Amino acid sequence: MAAPERVRTRDQIITSIYGTNSVMSGRTVDSHIRNLRHKTQALGYSDIIRTIHGVGLRLGSCTT
C-alpha cells in the first residue's frame, strides 16, 4: 500500500505476507484476491485491485 502504482507478482505478495520460507501457491493469492474483489465490489469499489496480465497485481484508483 506504500507504493500503489507498483506492480507485484504473486511470489512477491506471498513473500511480503508469509516470508521467504513459505510454501504457498500462487492460487492461494488468487483466491484471496477474488474474495477481496467480491467484498470491495459490494461496497461500490469495482477497481480496487488491478490485474496487469503477464506481470502481476497492483492497487487500482479505488473509485466508486
PDB file of N, CA and C in Angstrom:
ATOM      1  N   MET A   1       0.825  -1.192   0.000  1.00  0.00           N
ATOM      2  CA  MET A   1       0.000   0.000   0.000  1.00  0.00           C
ATOM      3  C   MET A   1       0.866   1.251   0.000  1.00  0.00           C
ATOM      4  N   ALA A   2       2.121   1.118   0.371  1.00  0.00           N
ATOM      5  CA  ALA A   2       3.010   2.279   0.373  1.00  0.00           C
ATOM      6  C   ALA A   2       3.340   2.741  -1.039  1.00  0.00           C
ATOM      7  N   ALA A   3       3.251   1.833  -2.006  1.00  0.00           N
ATOM      8  CA  ALA A   3       3.545   2.170  -3.405  1.00  0.00           C
ATOM      9  C   ALA A   3       2.438   1.594  -4.291  1.00  0.00           C
ATOM     10  N   PRO A   4       1.267   2.234  -4.334  1.00  0.00           N
ATOM     11  CA  PRO A   4       0.121   1.660  -5.046  1.00  0.00           C
ATOM     12  C   PRO A   4       0.327   1.520  -6.550  1.00  0.00           C
ATOM     13  N   GLU A   5       1.219   2.281  -7.122  1.00  0.00           N
ATOM     14  CA  GLU A   5       1.462   2.203  -8.563  1.00  0.00           C
ATOM     15  C   GLU A   5       2.373   1.041  -8.942  1.00  0.00           C
ATOM     16  N   ARG A   6       3.007   0.436  -7.976  1.00  0.00           N
ATOM     17  CA  ARG A   6       3.954  -0.647  -8.222  1.00  0.00           C
ATOM     18  C   ARG A   6       3.238  -1.977  -8.456  1.00  0.00           C
ATOM     19  N   VAL A   7       3.632  -2.683  -9.481  1.00  0.00           N
ATOM     20  CA  VAL A   7       3.052  -3.985  -9.793  1.00  0.00           C
ATOM     21  C   VAL A   7       3.820  -5.053  -9.020  1.00  0.00           C
ATOM     22  N   ARG A   8       3.087  -5.955  -8.383  1.00  0.00           N
ATOM     23  CA  ARG A   8       3.692  -7.036  -7.597  1.00  0.00           C
ATOM     24  C   ARG A   8       3.314  -8.381  -8.196  1.00  0.00           C
ATOM     25  N   THR A   9       4.267  -9.286  -8.247  1.00  0.00           N
ATOM     26  CA  THR A   9       3.971 -10.639  -8.698  1.00  0.00           C
ATOM     27  C   THR A   9       3.355 -11.419  -7.544  1.00  0.00           C
ATOM     28  N   ARG A  10       2.772 -12.550  -7.855  1.00  0.00           N
ATOM     29  CA  ARG A  10       2.198 -13.382  -6.801  1.00  0.00           C
ATOM     30  C   ARG A  10       3.276 -13.808  -5.802  1.00  0.00           C
ATOM     31  N   ASP A  11       4.451 -14.163  -6.324  1.00  0.00           N
ATOM     32  CA  ASP A  11       5.546 -14.566  -5.434  1.00  0.00           C
ATOM     33  C   ASP A  11       5.961 -13.435  -4.508  1.00  0.00           C
ATOM     34  N   GLN A  12       6.004 -12.207  -4.998  1.00  0.00           N
ATOM     35  CA  GLN A  12       6.346 -11.071  -4.155  1.00  0.00           C
ATOM     36  C   GLN A  12       5.293 -10.851  -3.072  1.00  0.00           C
ATOM     37  N   ILE A  13       4.035 -11.039  -3.422  1.00  0.00           N
ATOM     38  CA  ILE A  13       2.955 -10.887  -2.440  1.00  0.00           C
ATOM     39  C   ILE A  13       3.078 -11.952  -1.358  1.00  0.00           C
ATOM     40  N   ILE A  14       3.316 -13.194  -1.766  1.00  0.00           N
ATOM     41  CA  ILE A  14       3.472 -14.288  -0.792  1.00  0.00           C
ATOM     42  C   ILE A  14       4.655 -14.026   0.129  1.00  0.00           C
ATOM     43  N   THR A  15       5.786 -13.616  -0.425  1.00  0.00           N
ATOM     44  CA  THR A  15       6.976 -13.334   0.378  1.00  0.00           C
ATOM     45  C   THR A  15       6.732 -12.184   1.344  1.00  0.00           C
ATOM     46  N   SER A  16       6.028 -11.142   0.890  1.00  0.00           N
ATOM     47  CA  SER A  16       5.736  -9.997   1.759  1.00  0.00           C
ATOM     48  C   SER A  16       4.858 -10.377   2.939  1.00  0.00           C
ATOM     49  N   ILE A  17       3.938 -11.301   2.716  1.00  0.00           N
ATOM     50  CA  ILE A  17       2.991 -11.672   3.761  1.00  0.00           C
ATOM     51  C   ILE A  17       3.516 -12.798   4.645  1.00  0.00           C
ATOM     52  N   TYR A  18       4.033 -13.852   4.021  1.00  0.00           N
ATOM     53  CA  TYR A  18       4.388 -15.062   4.759  1.00  0.00           C
ATOM     54  C   TYR A  18       5.881 -15.262   4.965  1.00  0.00           C
ATOM     55  N   GLY A  19       6.715 -14.475   4.317  1.00  0.00           N
ATOM     56  CA  GLY A  19       8.158 -14.640   4.451  1.00  0.00           C
ATOM     57  C   GLY A  19       8.738 -15.544   3.371  1.00  0.00           C
ATOM     58  N   THR A  20      10.050 -15.678   3.392  1.00  0.00           N
ATOM     59  CA  THR A  20      10.741 -16.413   2.333  1.00  0.00           C
ATOM     60  C   THR A  20      10.651 -17.927   2.470  1.00  0.00           C
ATOM     61  N   ASN A  21      10.332 -18.440   3.619  1.00  0.00           N
ATOM     62  CA  ASN A  21      10.285 -19.884   3.835  1.00  0.00           C
ATOM     63  C   ASN A  21       8.879 -20.454   3.679  1.00  0.00           C
ATOM     64  N   SER A  22       8.035 -19.783   2.929  1.00  0.00           N
ATOM     65  CA  SER A  22       6.665 -20.223   2.759  1.00  0.00           C
ATOM     66  C   SER A  22       6.520 -21.112   1.526  1.00  0.00           C
ATOM     67  N   VAL A  23       5.623 -22.071   1.637  1.00  0.00           N
ATOM     68  CA  VAL A  23       5.343 -22.967   0.518  1.00  0.00           C
ATOM     69  C   VAL A  23       3.882 -22.735   0.113  1.00  0.00           C
ATOM     70  N   MET A  24       3.571 -21.514  -0.243  1.00  0.00           N
ATOM     71  CA  MET A  24       2.216 -21.168  -0.648  1.00  0.00           C
ATOM     72  C   MET A  24       2.130 -21.199  -2.168  1.00  0.00           C
ATOM     73  N   SER A  25       0.952 -21.457  -2.669  1.00  0.00           N
ATOM     74  CA  SER A  25       0.696 -21.483  -4.098  1.00  0.00           C
ATOM     75  C   SER A  25       0.225 -20.109  -4.567  1.00  0.00           C
ATOM     76  N   GLY A  26       0.523 -19.801  -5.802  1.00  0.00           N
ATOM     77  CA  GLY A  26       0.003 -18.570  -6.395  1.00  0.00           C
ATOM     78  C   GLY A  26      -1.511 -18.593  -6.455  1.00  0.00           C
ATOM     79  N   ARG A  27      -2.084 -19.781  -6.487  1.00  0.00           N
ATOM     80  CA  ARG A  27      -3.544 -19.921  -6.496  1.00  0.00           C
ATOM     81  C   ARG A  27      -4.149 -19.491  -5.168  1.00  0.00           C
ATOM     82  N   THR A  28      -3.382 -19.589  -4.094  1.00  0.00           N
ATOM     83  CA  THR A  28      -3.846 -19.095  -2.800  1.00  0.00           C
ATOM     84  C   THR A  28      -4.038 -17.586  -2.876  1.00  0.00           C
ATOM     85  N   VAL A  29      -3.092 -16.904  -3.495  1.00  0.00           N
ATOM     86  CA  VAL A  29      -3.201 -15.453  -3.687  1.00  0.00           C
ATOM     87  C   VAL A  29      -4.431 -15.148  -4.535  1.00  0.00           C
ATOM     88  N   ASP A  30      -4.627 -15.900  -5.620  1.00  0.00           N
ATOM     89  CA  ASP A  30      -5.786 -15.689  -6.489  1.00  0.00           C
ATOM     90  C   ASP A  30      -7.091 -15.803  -5.716  1.00  0.00           C
ATOM     91  N   SER A  31      -7.163 -16.784  -4.830  1.00  0.00           N
ATOM     92  CA  SER A  31      -8.367 -16.987  -4.035  1.00  0.00           C
ATOM     93  C   SER A  31      -8.626 -15.799  -3.109  1.00  0.00           C
ATOM     94  N   HIS A  32      -7.588 -15.316  -2.446  1.00  0.00           N
ATOM     95  CA  HIS A  32      -7.737 -14.161  -1.554  1.00  0.00           C
ATOM     96  C   HIS A  32      -8.096 -12.906  -2.342  1.00  0.00           C
ATOM     97  N   ILE A  33      -7.486 -12.718  -3.491  1.00  0.00           N
ATOM     98  CA  ILE A  33      -7.784 -11.554  -4.331  1.00  0.00           C
ATOM     99  C   ILE A  33      -9.234 -11.603  -4.787  1.00  0.00           C
ATOM    100  N   ARG A  34      -9.702 -12.776  -5.202  1.00  0.00           N
ATOM    101  CA  ARG A  34     -11.096 -12.933  -5.627  1.00  0.00           C
ATOM    102  C   ARG A  34     -12.044 -12.557  -4.482  1.00  0.00           C
ATOM    103  N   ASN A  35     -11.740 -13.004  -3.271  1.00  0.00           N
ATOM    104  CA  ASN A  35     -12.580 -12.663  -2.113  1.00  0.00           C
ATOM    105  C   ASN A  35     -12.553 -11.163  -1.820  1.00  0.00           C
ATOM    106  N   LEU A  36     -11.378 -10.560  -1.886  1.00  0.00           N
ATOM    107  CA  LEU A  36     -11.272  -9.113  -1.660  1.00  0.00           C
ATOM    108  C   LEU A  36     -12.048  -8.327  -2.713  1.00  0.00           C
ATOM    109  N   ARG A  37     -11.931  -8.747  -3.964  1.00  0.00           N
ATOM    110  CA  ARG A  37     -12.672  -8.063  -5.033  1.00  0.00           C
ATOM    111  C   ARG A  37     -14.170  -8.167  -4.816  1.00  0.00           C
ATOM    112  N   HIS A  38     -14.634  -9.328  -4.429  1.00  0.00           N
ATOM    113  CA  HIS A  38     -16.065  -9.524  -4.194  1.00  0.00           C
ATOM    114  C   HIS A  38     -16.552  -8.598  -3.074  1.00  0.00           C
ATOM    115  N   LYS A  39     -15.806  -8.528  -1.992  1.00  0.00           N
ATOM    116  CA  LYS A  39     -16.203  -7.695  -0.855  1.00  0.00           C
ATOM    117  C   LYS A  39     -16.143  -6.206  -1.184  1.00  0.00           C
ATOM    118  N   THR A  40     -15.105  -5.787  -1.909  1.00  0.00           N
ATOM    119  CA  THR A  40     -14.995  -4.361  -2.236  1.00  0.00           C
ATOM    120  C   THR A  40     -16.010  -3.950  -3.301  1.00  0.00           C
ATOM    121  N   GLN A  41     -16.361  -4.860  -4.217  1.00  0.00           N
ATOM    122  CA  GLN A  41     -17.399  -4.547  -5.199  1.00  0.00           C
ATOM    123  C   GLN A  41     -18.749  -4.358  -4.518  1.00  0.00           C
ATOM    124  N   ALA A  42     -19.004  -5.111  -3.466  1.00  0.00           N
ATOM    125  CA  ALA A  42     -20.245  -4.962  -2.710  1.00  0.00           C
ATOM    126  C   ALA A  42     -20.324  -3.583  -2.048  1.00  0.00           C
ATOM    127  N   LEU A  43     -19.166  -2.982  -1.792  1.00  0.00           N
ATOM    128  CA  LEU A  43     -19.110  -1.638  -1.203  1.00  0.00           C
ATOM    129  C   LEU A  43     -19.087  -0.542  -2.255  1.00  0.00           C
ATOM    130  N   GLY A  44     -19.059  -0.938  -3.531  1.00  0.00           N
ATOM    131  CA  GLY A  44     -19.091   0.037  -4.618  1.00  0.00           C
ATOM    132  C   GLY A  44     -17.740   0.360  -5.226  1.00  0.00           C
ATOM    133  N   TYR A  45     -16.693  -0.360  -4.846  1.00  0.00           N
ATOM    134  CA  TYR A  45     -15.357  -0.136  -5.393  1.00  0.00           C
ATOM    135  C   TYR A  45     -15.036  -1.260  -6.373  1.00  0.00           C
ATOM    136  N   SER A  46     -15.183  -0.966  -7.652  1.00  0.00           N
ATOM    137  CA  SER A  46     -15.041  -2.030  -8.650  1.00  0.00           C
ATOM    138  C   SER A  46     -13.611  -2.233  -9.139  1.00  0.00           C
ATOM    139  N   ASP A  47     -12.732  -1.297  -8.865  1.00  0.00           N
ATOM    140  CA  ASP A  47     -11.371  -1.406  -9.426  1.00  0.00           C
ATOM    141  C   ASP A  47     -10.276  -1.257  -8.375  1.00  0.00           C
ATOM    142  N   ILE A  48     -10.500  -1.768  -7.190  1.00  0.00           N
ATOM    143  CA  ILE A  48      -9.529  -1.583  -6.107  1.00  0.00           C
ATOM    144  C   ILE A  48      -8.249  -2.389  -6.332  1.00  0.00           C
ATOM    145  N   ILE A  49      -8.367  -3.523  -7.029  1.00  0.00           N
ATOM    146  CA  ILE A  49      -7.198  -4.341  -7.348  1.00  0.00           C
ATOM    147  C   ILE A  49      -7.168  -4.549  -8.852  1.00  0.00           C
ATOM    148  N   ARG A  50      -6.073  -4.167  -9.474  1.00  0.00           N
ATOM    149  CA  ARG A  50      -5.922  -4.292 -10.922  1.00  0.00           C
ATOM    150  C   ARG A  50      -4.985  -5.438 -11.257  1.00  0.00           C
ATOM    151  N   THR A  51      -5.369  -6.235 -12.243  1.00  0.00           N
ATOM    152  CA  THR A  51      -4.505  -7.290 -12.748  1.00  0.00           C
ATOM    153  C   THR A  51      -3.769  -6.755 -13.970  1.00  0.00           C
ATOM    154  N   ILE A  52      -2.463  -6.849 -13.941  1.00  0.00           N
ATOM    155  CA  ILE A  52      -1.634  -6.499 -15.093  1.00  0.00           C
ATOM    156  C   ILE A  52      -1.233  -7.837 -15.706  1.00  0.00           C
ATOM    157  N   HIS A  53      -1.923  -8.220 -16.780  1.00  0.00           N
ATOM    158  CA  HIS A  53      -1.760  -9.551 -17.361  1.00  0.00           C
ATOM    159  C   HIS A  53      -0.312  -9.844 -17.722  1.00  0.00           C
ATOM    160  N   GLY A  54       0.147 -10.998 -17.287  1.00  0.00           N
ATOM    161  CA  GLY A  54       1.511 -11.433 -17.550  1.00  0.00           C
ATOM    162  C   GLY A  54       2.536 -10.853 -16.606  1.00  0.00           C
ATOM    163  N   VAL A  55       2.098  -9.966 -15.688  1.00  0.00           N
ATOM    164  CA  VAL A  55       3.041  -9.330 -14.778  1.00  0.00           C
ATOM    165  C   VAL A  55       2.658  -9.579 -13.324  1.00  0.00           C
ATOM    166  N   GLY A  56       1.480  -9.080 -12.910  1.00  0.00           N
ATOM    167  CA  GLY A  56       1.066  -9.236 -11.520  1.00  0.00           C
ATOM    168  C   GLY A  56      -0.121  -8.381 -11.168  1.00  0.00           C
ATOM    169  N   LEU A  57      -0.134  -7.878  -9.958  1.00  0.00           N
ATOM    170  CA  LEU A  57      -1.259  -7.109  -9.421  1.00  0.00           C
ATOM    171  C   LEU A  57      -0.772  -5.769  -8.879  1.00  0.00           C
ATOM    172  N   ARG A  58      -1.677  -4.803  -8.896  1.00  0.00           N
ATOM    173  CA  ARG A  58      -1.413  -3.511  -8.273  1.00  0.00           C
ATOM    174  C   ARG A  58      -2.718  -2.935  -7.790  1.00  0.00           C
ATOM    175  N   LEU A  59      -2.630  -1.911  -6.957  1.00  0.00           N
ATOM    176  CA  LEU A  59      -3.837  -1.249  -6.480  1.00  0.00           C
ATOM    177  C   LEU A  59      -4.407  -0.389  -7.588  1.00  0.00           C
ATOM    178  N   GLY A  60      -5.726  -0.332  -7.647  1.00  0.00           N
ATOM    179  CA  GLY A  60      -6.413   0.498  -8.621  1.00  0.00           C
ATOM    180  C   GLY A  60      -6.635   1.889  -8.067  1.00  0.00           C
ATOM    181  N   SER A  61      -7.527   2.625  -8.730  1.00  0.00           N
ATOM    182  CA  SER A  61      -7.787   4.005  -8.326  1.00  0.00           C
ATOM    183  C   SER A  61      -8.761   4.111  -7.163  1.00  0.00           C
ATOM    184  N   CYS A  62      -9.413   3.015  -6.805  1.00  0.00           N
ATOM    185  CA  CYS A  62     -10.322   2.971  -5.657  1.00  0.00           C
ATOM    186  C   CYS A  62     -11.464   3.962  -5.782  1.00  0.00           C
ATOM    187  N   THR A  63     -12.026   4.069  -6.984  1.00  0.00           N
ATOM    188  CA  THR A  63     -13.150   4.966  -7.195  1.00  0.00           C
ATOM    189  C   THR A  63     -14.452   4.177  -7.229  1.00  0.00           C
ATOM    190  N   THR A  64     -15.527   4.839  -6.891  1.00  0.00           N
ATOM    191  CA  THR A  64     -16.836   4.179  -6.916  1.00  0.00           C
ATOM    192  C   THR A  64     -17.495   4.389  -8.247  1.00  0.00           C
TER     193      THR A  64
END
